[in-house]
Amino acid sequence: MKSLPILRFFLRLPLMAFRMAGLFRIINRARRGFKRALRKEGLPEDVIEVLVEGLVPDVEWKKFLRRKT
């Protein structure tokens, strides 16, 4: 019976992976939409890049996920 929690974890692993992928997809879609709206307003490309960088924080995911607690 001790293997039951491990089995549940491995059954939930694909669900967690798809949820993370969904979050990344939503973030990227928002970034593209924001860029598109700024271009439509006629802002220069360098200003758009600075504004987009400020909108979405740049997180180093590899470091974040592998940190030791």
C-alpha atoms as a PDB file:
ATOM      1  CA  MET A   1       0.000   0.000   0.000  1.00  0.00           C
ATOM      2  CA  LYS A   2       2.955   2.349   0.313  1.00  0.00           C
ATOM      3  CA  SER A   3       3.231   2.633  -3.461  1.00  0.00           C
ATOM      4  CA  LEU A   4      -0.239   4.174  -3.772  1.00  0.00           C
ATOM      5  CA  PRO A   5       0.871   7.812  -3.155  1.00  0.00           C
ATOM      6  CA  ILE A   6       3.665   7.417  -5.707  1.00  0.00           C
ATOM      7  CA  LEU A   7       1.186   6.043  -8.241  1.00  0.00           C
ATOM      8  CA  ARG A   8      -1.148   8.980  -7.635  1.00  0.00           C
ATOM      9  CA  PHE A   9       1.729  11.382  -8.150  1.00  0.00           C
ATOM     10  CA  PHE A  10       2.641   9.837 -11.493  1.00  0.00           C
ATOM     11  CA  LEU A  11      -1.000   9.875 -12.563  1.00  0.00           C
ATOM     12  CA  ARG A  12      -1.216  13.588 -11.747  1.00  0.00           C
ATOM     13  CA  LEU A  13       2.080  14.482 -13.394  1.00  0.00           C
ATOM     14  CA  PRO A  14       0.638  14.905 -16.944  1.00  0.00           C
ATOM     15  CA  LEU A  15      -2.129  17.096 -15.536  1.00  0.00           C
ATOM     16  CA  MET A  16       0.394  19.373 -13.829  1.00  0.00           C
ATOM     17  CA  ALA A  17       2.511  19.543 -16.999  1.00  0.00           C
ATOM     18  CA  PHE A  18      -0.479  20.544 -19.132  1.00  0.00           C
ATOM     19  CA  ARG A  19      -1.500  23.203 -16.616  1.00  0.00           C
ATOM     20  CA  MET A  20       1.998  24.698 -16.670  1.00  0.00           C
ATOM     21  CA  ALA A  21       1.982  24.652 -20.472  1.00  0.00           C
ATOM     22  CA  GLY A  22      -1.380  26.421 -20.402  1.00  0.00           C
ATOM     23  CA  LEU A  23       0.017  29.145 -18.163  1.00  0.00           C
ATOM     24  CA  PHE A  24       2.936  29.720 -20.520  1.00  0.00           C
ATOM     25  CA  ARG A  25       0.556  29.829 -23.484  1.00  0.00           C
ATOM     26  CA  ILE A  26      -1.638  32.440 -21.786  1.00  0.00           C
ATOM     27  CA  ILE A  27       1.372  34.581 -20.857  1.00  0.00           C
ATOM     28  CA  ASN A  28       2.767  34.448 -24.392  1.00  0.00           C
ATOM     29  CA  ARG A  29      -0.636  35.238 -25.905  1.00  0.00           C
ATOM     30  CA  ALA A  30      -0.994  38.273 -23.628  1.00  0.00           C
ATOM     31  CA  ARG A  31       2.497  39.460 -24.572  1.00  0.00           C
ATOM     32  CA  ARG A  32       1.732  39.175 -28.302  1.00  0.00           C
ATOM     33  CA  GLY A  33      -1.605  40.945 -27.884  1.00  0.00           C
ATOM     34  CA  PHE A  34       0.007  43.775 -25.946  1.00  0.00           C
ATOM     35  CA  LYS A  35       2.677  44.188 -28.642  1.00  0.00           C
ATOM     36  CA  ARG A  36       0.022  44.186 -31.337  1.00  0.00           C
ATOM     37  CA  ALA A  37      -1.985  46.881 -29.539  1.00  0.00           C
ATOM     38  CA  LEU A  38       1.097  49.077 -29.086  1.00  0.00           C
ATOM     39  CA  ARG A  39       2.028  48.715 -32.765  1.00  0.00           C
ATOM     40  CA  LYS A  40      -1.524  49.651 -33.718  1.00  0.00           C
ATOM     41  CA  GLU A  41      -1.122  52.845 -31.692  1.00  0.00           C
ATOM     42  CA  GLY A  42       1.984  53.687 -33.708  1.00  0.00           C
ATOM     43  CA  LEU A  43       4.683  53.512 -31.059  1.00  0.00           C
ATOM     44  CA  PRO A  44       8.300  52.949 -32.128  1.00  0.00           C
ATOM     45  CA  GLU A  45       9.615  49.375 -31.924  1.00  0.00           C
ATOM     46  CA  ASP A  46      12.241  50.145 -29.248  1.00  0.00           C
ATOM     47  CA  VAL A  47       9.604  51.668 -26.956  1.00  0.00           C
ATOM     48  CA  ILE A  48       7.386  48.636 -27.495  1.00  0.00           C
ATOM     49  CA  GLU A  49      10.190  46.265 -26.480  1.00  0.00           C
ATOM     50  CA  VAL A  50      10.861  48.192 -23.258  1.00  0.00           C
ATOM     51  CA  LEU A  51       7.175  48.228 -22.343  1.00  0.00           C
ATOM     52  CA  VAL A  52       6.737  44.527 -23.063  1.00  0.00           C
ATOM     53  CA  GLU A  53       9.789  43.637 -20.956  1.00  0.00           C
ATOM     54  CA  GLY A  54       8.273  45.591 -18.067  1.00  0.00           C
ATOM     55  CA  LEU A  55       4.923  43.867 -18.446  1.00  0.00           C
ATOM     56  CA  VAL A  56       6.104  40.273 -18.041  1.00  0.00           C
ATOM     57  CA  PRO A  57       8.754  39.592 -15.415  1.00  0.00           C
ATOM     58  CA  ASP A  58      11.635  37.536 -16.738  1.00  0.00           C
ATOM     59  CA  VAL A  59      11.978  34.517 -14.482  1.00  0.00           C
ATOM     60  CA  GLU A  60      14.785  32.048 -14.879  1.00  0.00           C
ATOM     61  CA  TRP A  61      12.581  28.976 -14.698  1.00  0.00           C
ATOM     62  CA  LYS A  62      15.403  26.442 -14.615  1.00  0.00           C
ATOM     63  CA  LYS A  63      16.904  28.053 -11.511  1.00  0.00           C
ATOM     64  CA  PHE A  64      13.480  28.586  -9.972  1.00  0.00           C
ATOM     65  CA  LEU A  65      12.370  24.977 -10.396  1.00  0.00           C
ATOM     66  CA  ARG A  66      15.676  23.459  -9.314  1.00  0.00           C
ATOM     67  CA  ARG A  67      16.268  25.548  -6.216  1.00  0.00           C
ATOM     68  CA  LYS A  68      16.920  23.717  -3.007  1.00  0.00           C
ATOM     69  CA  THR A  69      14.610  24.434  -0.109  1.00  0.00           C
END
